[in-house]
Amino acid sequence: MKNRIFLSTFLLVLGLSLQAFFIGCGSKNSPKAVISEQPKPPAIILPEKTVEEVYRYGGDIYRDPFSPLTEKRIVSPMLQAQGEAEKPNIGIFDLKGILTDQNCKMALFSSPMGIYILKNGKLYDNRNRVVRGVNGSVSAKSATLTTEDKFTKSFKITESR
């Protein structure tokens, strides 16, 4: 009988503890496992990139006909020319004119190979590249070109009617 009382007491205590356990799980005051949620970083919104269409003129000799007539635009394609100019045959040059500004005199030559300018003793081609091996001088109505092999030719302005 002692065993029965002990067993019934044991079962009663066990039942009450189980009931308290299950009731406690649903109560508001019972501690719960807290899962900390990390706040999501704000979404990064990048502005839309607008694609700008860039026009680039690939001509070698003439300026871009659609560019504005500012000095910067005209000079820059000439300065982008790279490499050395080919040495022309100065025997077939024609002196077209002599220009004078505040600093120096310039002579304008034409040939089947293109247009050349003699300025400050150096000969430049139509892409503003220095022609190596050719130098010269300009006077009031004539110009003289000299090659590195000492060939010299003088040009005079002819009066056209």
N, C-alpha and C. Protein backbone atom coordinates (compact mmCIF):
# COMPACT_ATOMS: atom_id res chain seq x y z
N MET A 1 0.81 -1.15 0.00
CA MET A 1 0.00 0.00 0.00
C MET A 1 0.88 1.25 0.00
N LYS A 2 1.94 1.12 0.68
CA LYS A 2 2.85 2.24 0.65
C LYS A 2 3.33 2.49 -0.77
N ASN A 3 3.52 1.44 -1.45
CA ASN A 3 3.98 1.57 -2.83
C ASN A 3 2.91 2.24 -3.70
N ARG A 4 1.65 1.96 -3.40
CA ARG A 4 0.58 2.55 -4.18
C ARG A 4 0.48 4.03 -3.91
N ILE A 5 0.59 4.41 -2.73
CA ILE A 5 0.50 5.81 -2.38
C ILE A 5 1.70 6.53 -3.00
N PHE A 6 2.81 5.91 -2.90
CA PHE A 6 4.01 6.50 -3.47
C PHE A 6 3.85 6.63 -4.99
N LEU A 7 3.34 5.58 -5.61
CA LEU A 7 3.18 5.58 -7.06
C LEU A 7 2.13 6.60 -7.48
N SER A 8 1.03 6.70 -6.76
CA SER A 8 -0.01 7.65 -7.12
C SER A 8 0.48 9.09 -6.89
N THR A 9 1.24 9.31 -5.85
CA THR A 9 1.79 10.63 -5.60
C THR A 9 2.79 10.99 -6.72
N PHE A 10 3.56 10.00 -7.05
CA PHE A 10 4.54 10.22 -8.11
C PHE A 10 3.84 10.57 -9.41
N LEU A 11 2.78 9.85 -9.76
CA LEU A 11 2.06 10.11 -11.01
C LEU A 11 1.35 11.46 -10.96
N LEU A 12 0.86 11.83 -9.80
CA LEU A 12 0.18 13.09 -9.65
C LEU A 12 1.18 14.25 -9.85
N VAL A 13 2.33 14.12 -9.24
CA VAL A 13 3.36 15.16 -9.38
C VAL A 13 3.83 15.22 -10.83
N LEU A 14 3.99 14.06 -11.42
CA LEU A 14 4.44 14.01 -12.82
C LEU A 14 3.40 14.63 -13.73
N GLY A 15 2.13 14.36 -13.51
CA GLY A 15 1.06 14.92 -14.34
C GLY A 15 0.98 16.43 -14.20
N LEU A 16 1.13 16.89 -12.95
CA LEU A 16 1.06 18.33 -12.73
C LEU A 16 2.26 19.04 -13.40
N SER A 17 3.40 18.42 -13.30
CA SER A 17 4.55 19.05 -13.93
C SER A 17 4.40 19.07 -15.44
N LEU A 18 3.86 18.01 -16.03
CA LEU A 18 3.65 18.00 -17.49
C LEU A 18 2.62 19.03 -17.89
N GLN A 19 1.56 19.14 -17.06
CA GLN A 19 0.52 20.12 -17.36
C GLN A 19 1.10 21.53 -17.27
N ALA A 20 1.90 21.78 -16.26
CA ALA A 20 2.50 23.10 -16.11
C ALA A 20 3.47 23.38 -17.28
N PHE A 21 4.11 22.35 -17.73
CA PHE A 21 5.04 22.52 -18.86
C PHE A 21 4.31 22.92 -20.13
N PHE A 22 3.21 22.16 -20.41
CA PHE A 22 2.48 22.46 -21.64
C PHE A 22 1.71 23.78 -21.55
N ILE A 23 1.21 24.10 -20.42
CA ILE A 23 0.50 25.36 -20.26
C ILE A 23 1.49 26.51 -20.30
N GLY A 24 2.64 26.32 -19.73
CA GLY A 24 3.66 27.36 -19.70
C GLY A 24 4.20 27.69 -21.08
N CYS A 25 4.21 26.73 -21.99
CA CYS A 25 4.74 26.98 -23.33
C CYS A 25 3.87 27.96 -24.09
N GLY A 26 2.57 27.96 -23.81
CA GLY A 26 1.68 28.84 -24.54
C GLY A 26 1.44 30.14 -23.82
N SER A 27 1.92 30.31 -22.60
CA SER A 27 1.61 31.53 -21.86
C SER A 27 2.50 32.68 -22.34
N LYS A 28 2.05 33.90 -22.07
CA LYS A 28 2.77 35.07 -22.52
C LYS A 28 4.00 35.35 -21.67
N ASN A 29 3.96 34.93 -20.43
CA ASN A 29 5.05 35.24 -19.52
C ASN A 29 6.20 34.25 -19.61
N SER A 30 5.97 33.16 -20.26
CA SER A 30 7.03 32.15 -20.32
C SER A 30 8.12 32.59 -21.27
N PRO A 31 9.37 32.29 -20.93
CA PRO A 31 10.45 32.69 -21.82
C PRO A 31 10.42 31.89 -23.12
N LYS A 32 10.68 32.56 -24.20
CA LYS A 32 10.69 31.90 -25.51
C LYS A 32 12.08 32.07 -26.10
N ALA A 33 12.37 31.18 -26.99
CA ALA A 33 13.64 31.32 -27.69
C ALA A 33 13.52 32.53 -28.62
N VAL A 34 14.44 33.46 -28.47
CA VAL A 34 14.40 34.70 -29.26
C VAL A 34 15.37 34.56 -30.43
N ILE A 35 14.82 34.67 -31.60
CA ILE A 35 15.64 34.63 -32.81
C ILE A 35 15.78 36.07 -33.26
N SER A 36 17.00 36.55 -33.18
CA SER A 36 17.19 37.95 -33.55
C SER A 36 17.29 38.04 -35.07
N GLU A 37 16.46 38.86 -35.59
CA GLU A 37 16.47 39.07 -37.04
C GLU A 37 17.33 40.28 -37.34
N GLN A 38 18.30 40.08 -38.18
CA GLN A 38 19.15 41.18 -38.59
C GLN A 38 18.34 42.07 -39.54
N PRO A 39 18.38 43.36 -39.31
CA PRO A 39 17.64 44.22 -40.25
C PRO A 39 18.31 44.15 -41.62
N LYS A 40 17.49 44.04 -42.61
CA LYS A 40 18.01 43.96 -43.98
C LYS A 40 18.56 45.33 -44.36
N PRO A 41 19.73 45.33 -45.00
CA PRO A 41 20.26 46.63 -45.44
C PRO A 41 19.34 47.22 -46.49
N PRO A 42 19.26 48.52 -46.53
CA PRO A 42 18.38 49.13 -47.54
C PRO A 42 18.87 48.80 -48.94
N ALA A 43 17.94 48.59 -49.80
CA ALA A 43 18.29 48.27 -51.18
C ALA A 43 18.97 49.47 -51.83
N ILE A 44 20.08 49.20 -52.51
CA ILE A 44 20.81 50.26 -53.19
C ILE A 44 20.20 50.45 -54.56
N ILE A 45 19.75 51.64 -54.79
CA ILE A 45 19.13 51.95 -56.08
C ILE A 45 20.11 52.82 -56.85
N LEU A 46 20.61 52.28 -57.94
CA LEU A 46 21.54 53.02 -58.78
C LEU A 46 20.76 53.76 -59.86
N PRO A 47 21.18 54.98 -60.14
CA PRO A 47 20.49 55.70 -61.22
C PRO A 47 20.78 55.01 -62.55
N GLU A 48 19.83 55.09 -63.41
CA GLU A 48 20.00 54.47 -64.72
C GLU A 48 21.05 55.23 -65.51
N LYS A 49 21.93 54.48 -66.13
CA LYS A 49 22.94 55.12 -66.97
C LYS A 49 22.34 55.37 -68.33
N THR A 50 22.49 56.59 -68.74
CA THR A 50 22.03 56.91 -70.08
C THR A 50 23.21 56.80 -71.02
N VAL A 51 23.01 56.14 -72.09
CA VAL A 51 24.06 55.96 -73.07
C VAL A 51 24.02 57.13 -74.03
N GLU A 52 25.14 57.84 -74.09
CA GLU A 52 25.22 58.96 -75.00
C GLU A 52 25.94 58.52 -76.26
N GLU A 53 25.35 58.85 -77.36
CA GLU A 53 25.96 58.50 -78.62
C GLU A 53 27.01 59.54 -78.96
N VAL A 54 28.23 59.08 -79.20
CA VAL A 54 29.33 59.99 -79.49
C VAL A 54 29.69 59.85 -80.95
N TYR A 55 29.72 60.98 -81.62
CA TYR A 55 30.08 60.99 -83.04
C TYR A 55 31.57 61.28 -83.15
N ARG A 56 32.29 60.45 -83.85
CA ARG A 56 33.72 60.67 -84.06
C ARG A 56 34.00 60.59 -85.56
N TYR A 57 34.54 61.66 -86.08
CA TYR A 57 34.86 61.72 -87.50
C TYR A 57 36.20 61.06 -87.72
N GLY A 58 36.27 60.11 -88.61
CA GLY A 58 37.49 59.37 -88.85
C GLY A 58 38.28 59.84 -90.05
N GLY A 59 37.95 60.99 -90.60
CA GLY A 59 38.67 61.48 -91.77
C GLY A 59 40.10 61.86 -91.44
N ASP A 60 40.98 61.65 -92.38
CA ASP A 60 42.39 61.92 -92.14
C ASP A 60 42.80 63.32 -92.58
N ILE A 61 42.22 63.83 -93.63
CA ILE A 61 42.73 65.06 -94.23
C ILE A 61 41.88 66.27 -93.86
N TYR A 62 40.58 66.17 -93.99
CA TYR A 62 39.73 67.33 -93.84
C TYR A 62 39.12 67.37 -92.44
N ARG A 63 38.73 68.55 -92.02
CA ARG A 63 38.11 68.69 -90.71
C ARG A 63 36.68 68.14 -90.77
N ASP A 64 36.13 67.85 -89.62
CA ASP A 64 34.77 67.33 -89.51
C ASP A 64 33.80 68.43 -89.92
N PRO A 65 32.97 68.20 -90.93
CA PRO A 65 32.07 69.27 -91.39
C PRO A 65 30.96 69.59 -90.39
N PHE A 66 30.70 68.72 -89.41
CA PHE A 66 29.63 68.95 -88.46
C PHE A 66 30.11 69.55 -87.15
N SER A 67 31.40 69.75 -87.00
CA SER A 67 31.91 70.34 -85.76
C SER A 67 31.82 71.86 -85.84
N PRO A 68 31.65 72.51 -84.70
CA PRO A 68 31.56 73.97 -84.71
C PRO A 68 32.88 74.59 -85.13
N LEU A 69 32.81 75.79 -85.63
CA LEU A 69 33.99 76.46 -86.14
C LEU A 69 34.72 77.19 -85.02
N THR A 70 35.18 76.45 -84.04
CA THR A 70 35.99 77.04 -83.00
C THR A 70 37.42 76.59 -83.21
N GLU A 71 38.35 77.38 -82.78
CA GLU A 71 39.76 77.08 -83.02
C GLU A 71 40.14 75.74 -82.38
N LYS A 72 39.60 75.47 -81.20
CA LYS A 72 39.94 74.24 -80.49
C LYS A 72 39.53 73.01 -81.32
N ARG A 73 38.36 73.05 -81.92
CA ARG A 73 37.88 71.93 -82.71
C ARG A 73 38.68 71.75 -83.99
N ILE A 74 39.12 72.84 -84.59
CA ILE A 74 39.85 72.74 -85.84
C ILE A 74 41.27 72.24 -85.61
N VAL A 75 41.90 72.71 -84.55
CA VAL A 75 43.28 72.35 -84.30
C VAL A 75 43.42 70.94 -83.77
N SER A 76 42.48 70.47 -82.94
CA SER A 76 42.64 69.18 -82.28
C SER A 76 42.76 67.99 -83.23
N PRO A 77 41.99 67.88 -84.34
CA PRO A 77 42.22 66.74 -85.21
C PRO A 77 43.61 66.76 -85.82
N MET A 78 44.15 67.96 -86.07
CA MET A 78 45.49 68.04 -86.63
C MET A 78 46.52 67.55 -85.64
N LEU A 79 46.34 67.88 -84.38
CA LEU A 79 47.31 67.50 -83.37
C LEU A 79 47.24 66.02 -83.04
N GLN A 80 46.15 65.37 -83.40
CA GLN A 80 46.04 63.95 -83.13
C GLN A 80 46.77 63.11 -84.16
N ALA A 81 47.24 63.71 -85.22
CA ALA A 81 47.98 62.97 -86.25
C ALA A 81 49.27 62.45 -85.63
N GLN A 82 49.56 61.20 -85.87
CA GLN A 82 50.75 60.60 -85.28
C GLN A 82 51.66 60.10 -86.38
N GLY A 83 52.90 59.89 -86.01
CA GLY A 83 53.87 59.39 -86.96
C GLY A 83 54.54 60.53 -87.69
N GLU A 84 55.45 60.17 -88.55
CA GLU A 84 56.17 61.18 -89.32
C GLU A 84 55.53 61.34 -90.69
N ALA A 85 55.67 62.54 -91.21
CA ALA A 85 55.17 62.80 -92.55
C ALA A 85 56.15 62.21 -93.56
N GLU A 86 55.62 61.80 -94.70
CA GLU A 86 56.48 61.28 -95.75
C GLU A 86 57.26 62.42 -96.38
N LYS A 87 58.49 62.15 -96.74
CA LYS A 87 59.33 63.19 -97.35
C LYS A 87 58.87 63.37 -98.81
N PRO A 88 58.39 64.57 -99.15
CA PRO A 88 57.89 64.78 -100.50
C PRO A 88 59.01 65.14 -101.47
N ASN A 89 58.67 65.09 -102.73
CA ASN A 89 59.58 65.56 -103.77
C ASN A 89 59.34 67.06 -103.91
N ILE A 90 60.27 67.87 -103.41
CA ILE A 90 60.04 69.32 -103.43
C ILE A 90 60.18 69.91 -104.83
N GLY A 91 60.64 69.14 -105.79
CA GLY A 91 60.76 69.61 -107.16
C GLY A 91 59.41 69.86 -107.81
N ILE A 92 58.35 69.23 -107.33
CA ILE A 92 57.03 69.39 -107.94
C ILE A 92 56.13 70.33 -107.13
N PHE A 93 56.69 71.04 -106.17
CA PHE A 93 55.92 71.98 -105.36
C PHE A 93 55.59 73.23 -106.16
N ASP A 94 54.46 73.84 -105.81
CA ASP A 94 54.05 75.14 -106.33
C ASP A 94 53.86 76.07 -105.15
N LEU A 95 54.43 77.25 -105.19
CA LEU A 95 54.23 78.23 -104.13
C LEU A 95 52.91 78.94 -104.40
N LYS A 96 51.96 78.78 -103.50
CA LYS A 96 50.62 79.36 -103.69
C LYS A 96 50.47 80.71 -103.02
N GLY A 97 51.24 80.95 -101.94
CA GLY A 97 51.10 82.24 -101.28
C GLY A 97 52.03 82.36 -100.09
N ILE A 98 52.20 83.62 -99.66
CA ILE A 98 53.01 83.90 -98.48
C ILE A 98 52.14 84.68 -97.51
N LEU A 99 52.09 84.21 -96.29
CA LEU A 99 51.28 84.84 -95.25
C LEU A 99 52.20 85.46 -94.22
N THR A 100 51.82 86.60 -93.70
CA THR A 100 52.62 87.26 -92.68
C THR A 100 51.73 87.56 -91.49
N ASP A 101 52.17 87.15 -90.31
CA ASP A 101 51.46 87.53 -89.10
C ASP A 101 52.43 88.28 -88.19
N GLN A 102 52.07 88.51 -86.95
CA GLN A 102 52.91 89.30 -86.05
C GLN A 102 54.24 88.62 -85.75
N ASN A 103 54.26 87.30 -85.75
CA ASN A 103 55.46 86.58 -85.33
C ASN A 103 56.36 86.10 -86.46
N CYS A 104 55.77 85.67 -87.55
CA CYS A 104 56.60 85.08 -88.60
C CYS A 104 55.91 85.15 -89.95
N LYS A 105 56.66 84.70 -90.97
CA LYS A 105 56.12 84.57 -92.33
C LYS A 105 55.95 83.09 -92.61
N MET A 106 54.90 82.77 -93.35
CA MET A 106 54.61 81.38 -93.72
C MET A 106 54.42 81.31 -95.22
N ALA A 107 54.86 80.19 -95.79
CA ALA A 107 54.68 79.96 -97.22
C ALA A 107 53.78 78.75 -97.40
N LEU A 108 52.84 78.86 -98.31
CA LEU A 108 51.89 77.79 -98.59
C LEU A 108 52.24 77.15 -99.93
N PHE A 109 52.51 75.83 -99.88
CA PHE A 109 52.88 75.07 -101.08
C PHE A 109 51.80 74.05 -101.38
N SER A 110 51.63 73.74 -102.67
CA SER A 110 50.74 72.64 -103.05
C SER A 110 51.51 71.70 -103.96
N SER A 111 51.10 70.45 -103.92
CA SER A 111 51.69 69.43 -104.77
C SER A 111 50.64 68.35 -104.97
N PRO A 112 50.88 67.39 -105.86
CA PRO A 112 49.93 66.29 -106.01
C PRO A 112 49.78 65.46 -104.74
N MET A 113 50.76 65.53 -103.85
CA MET A 113 50.70 64.76 -102.60
C MET A 113 49.92 65.49 -101.51
N GLY A 114 49.60 66.76 -101.70
CA GLY A 114 48.86 67.51 -100.70
C GLY A 114 49.36 68.92 -100.54
N ILE A 115 48.99 69.54 -99.43
CA ILE A 115 49.34 70.92 -99.14
C ILE A 115 50.39 70.93 -98.03
N TYR A 116 51.36 71.83 -98.15
CA TYR A 116 52.43 71.95 -97.16
C TYR A 116 52.59 73.40 -96.75
N ILE A 117 53.02 73.62 -95.50
CA ILE A 117 53.25 74.97 -94.99
C ILE A 117 54.67 75.04 -94.44
N LEU A 118 55.38 76.08 -94.86
CA LEU A 118 56.72 76.35 -94.34
C LEU A 118 56.59 77.45 -93.30
N LYS A 119 56.93 77.12 -92.05
CA LYS A 119 56.77 78.06 -90.95
C LYS A 119 57.94 77.91 -90.00
N ASN A 120 58.57 79.02 -89.66
CA ASN A 120 59.72 79.03 -88.74
C ASN A 120 60.82 78.06 -89.18
N GLY A 121 61.03 77.95 -90.46
CA GLY A 121 62.10 77.11 -90.99
C GLY A 121 61.76 75.64 -91.10
N LYS A 122 60.57 75.22 -90.66
CA LYS A 122 60.16 73.82 -90.72
C LYS A 122 59.01 73.66 -91.70
N LEU A 123 58.98 72.52 -92.38
CA LEU A 123 57.93 72.22 -93.34
C LEU A 123 56.93 71.28 -92.66
N TYR A 124 55.63 71.62 -92.75
CA TYR A 124 54.55 70.83 -92.16
C TYR A 124 53.64 70.31 -93.26
N ASP A 125 53.14 69.07 -93.10
CA ASP A 125 52.19 68.55 -94.08
C ASP A 125 50.77 68.97 -93.70
N ASN A 126 49.77 68.47 -94.44
CA ASN A 126 48.39 68.89 -94.21
C ASN A 126 47.79 68.31 -92.93
N ARG A 127 48.51 67.43 -92.24
CA ARG A 127 48.06 66.90 -90.95
C ARG A 127 48.87 67.47 -89.80
N ASN A 128 49.57 68.58 -90.06
CA ASN A 128 50.36 69.30 -89.08
C ASN A 128 51.51 68.47 -88.52
N ARG A 129 52.08 67.59 -89.33
CA ARG A 129 53.25 66.81 -88.93
C ARG A 129 54.48 67.43 -89.56
N VAL A 130 55.56 67.47 -88.82
CA VAL A 130 56.81 68.03 -89.34
C VAL A 130 57.39 67.05 -90.37
N VAL A 131 57.80 67.59 -91.52
CA VAL A 131 58.46 66.79 -92.54
C VAL A 131 59.95 66.81 -92.20
N ARG A 132 60.48 65.68 -91.78
CA ARG A 132 61.89 65.60 -91.37
C ARG A 132 62.79 65.69 -92.61
N GLY A 133 63.89 66.37 -92.46
CA GLY A 133 64.87 66.44 -93.54
C GLY A 133 64.65 67.56 -94.52
N VAL A 134 63.62 68.39 -94.30
CA VAL A 134 63.36 69.52 -95.19
C VAL A 134 63.21 70.77 -94.32
N ASN A 135 63.97 71.80 -94.63
CA ASN A 135 63.81 73.08 -93.95
C ASN A 135 63.86 74.18 -94.99
N GLY A 136 63.62 75.41 -94.57
CA GLY A 136 63.61 76.48 -95.54
C GLY A 136 63.49 77.84 -94.92
N SER A 137 63.33 78.82 -95.77
CA SER A 137 63.19 80.20 -95.32
C SER A 137 62.16 80.90 -96.21
N VAL A 138 61.56 81.96 -95.66
CA VAL A 138 60.51 82.70 -96.37
C VAL A 138 60.90 84.17 -96.37
N SER A 139 60.84 84.79 -97.53
CA SER A 139 61.06 86.24 -97.63
C SER A 139 59.77 86.88 -98.12
N ALA A 140 59.82 88.13 -98.50
CA ALA A 140 58.61 88.88 -98.86
C ALA A 140 57.84 88.27 -100.03
N LYS A 141 58.54 87.89 -101.12
CA LYS A 141 57.86 87.35 -102.29
C LYS A 141 58.44 86.04 -102.78
N SER A 142 59.24 85.37 -101.95
CA SER A 142 59.82 84.09 -102.36
C SER A 142 60.03 83.20 -101.15
N ALA A 143 60.26 81.93 -101.43
CA ALA A 143 60.54 80.94 -100.38
C ALA A 143 61.58 79.98 -100.93
N THR A 144 62.42 79.47 -100.05
CA THR A 144 63.47 78.53 -100.43
C THR A 144 63.36 77.29 -99.56
N LEU A 145 63.40 76.12 -100.19
CA LEU A 145 63.39 74.85 -99.47
C LEU A 145 64.71 74.13 -99.70
N THR A 146 65.23 73.50 -98.65
CA THR A 146 66.48 72.76 -98.73
C THR A 146 66.28 71.40 -98.08
N THR A 147 66.71 70.34 -98.77
CA THR A 147 66.61 68.99 -98.21
C THR A 147 67.89 68.64 -97.47
N GLU A 148 67.88 67.53 -96.76
CA GLU A 148 69.06 67.13 -95.98
C GLU A 148 70.23 66.72 -96.87
N ASP A 149 69.97 66.37 -98.13
CA ASP A 149 71.07 66.05 -99.05
C ASP A 149 71.51 67.28 -99.85
N LYS A 150 71.21 68.47 -99.32
CA LYS A 150 71.66 69.77 -99.84
C LYS A 150 71.04 70.18 -101.17
N PHE A 151 69.91 69.58 -101.54
CA PHE A 151 69.18 70.02 -102.72
C PHE A 151 68.36 71.24 -102.33
N THR A 152 68.52 72.34 -103.06
CA THR A 152 67.83 73.59 -102.74
C THR A 152 67.01 74.04 -103.95
N LYS A 153 65.79 74.49 -103.64
CA LYS A 153 64.94 75.02 -104.70
C LYS A 153 64.28 76.28 -104.19
N SER A 154 64.33 77.34 -105.03
CA SER A 154 63.70 78.63 -104.68
C SER A 154 62.41 78.77 -105.45
N PHE A 155 61.41 79.35 -104.80
CA PHE A 155 60.10 79.55 -105.40
C PHE A 155 59.76 81.03 -105.32
N LYS A 156 59.14 81.55 -106.38
CA LYS A 156 58.70 82.93 -106.39
C LYS A 156 57.20 82.97 -106.65
N ILE A 157 56.57 83.97 -106.10
CA ILE A 157 55.13 84.12 -106.32
C ILE A 157 54.92 84.66 -107.73
N THR A 158 54.07 84.01 -108.47
CA THR A 158 53.77 84.46 -109.83
C THR A 158 52.46 85.25 -109.79
N GLU A 159 52.41 86.31 -110.55
CA GLU A 159 51.20 87.13 -110.63
C GLU A 159 50.21 86.44 -111.56
N SER A 160 49.02 86.19 -111.09
CA SER A 160 48.01 85.57 -111.95
C SER A 160 47.00 86.65 -112.35
N ARG A 161 46.58 86.62 -113.60
CA ARG A 161 45.67 87.63 -114.12
C ARG A 161 44.28 87.13 -114.18
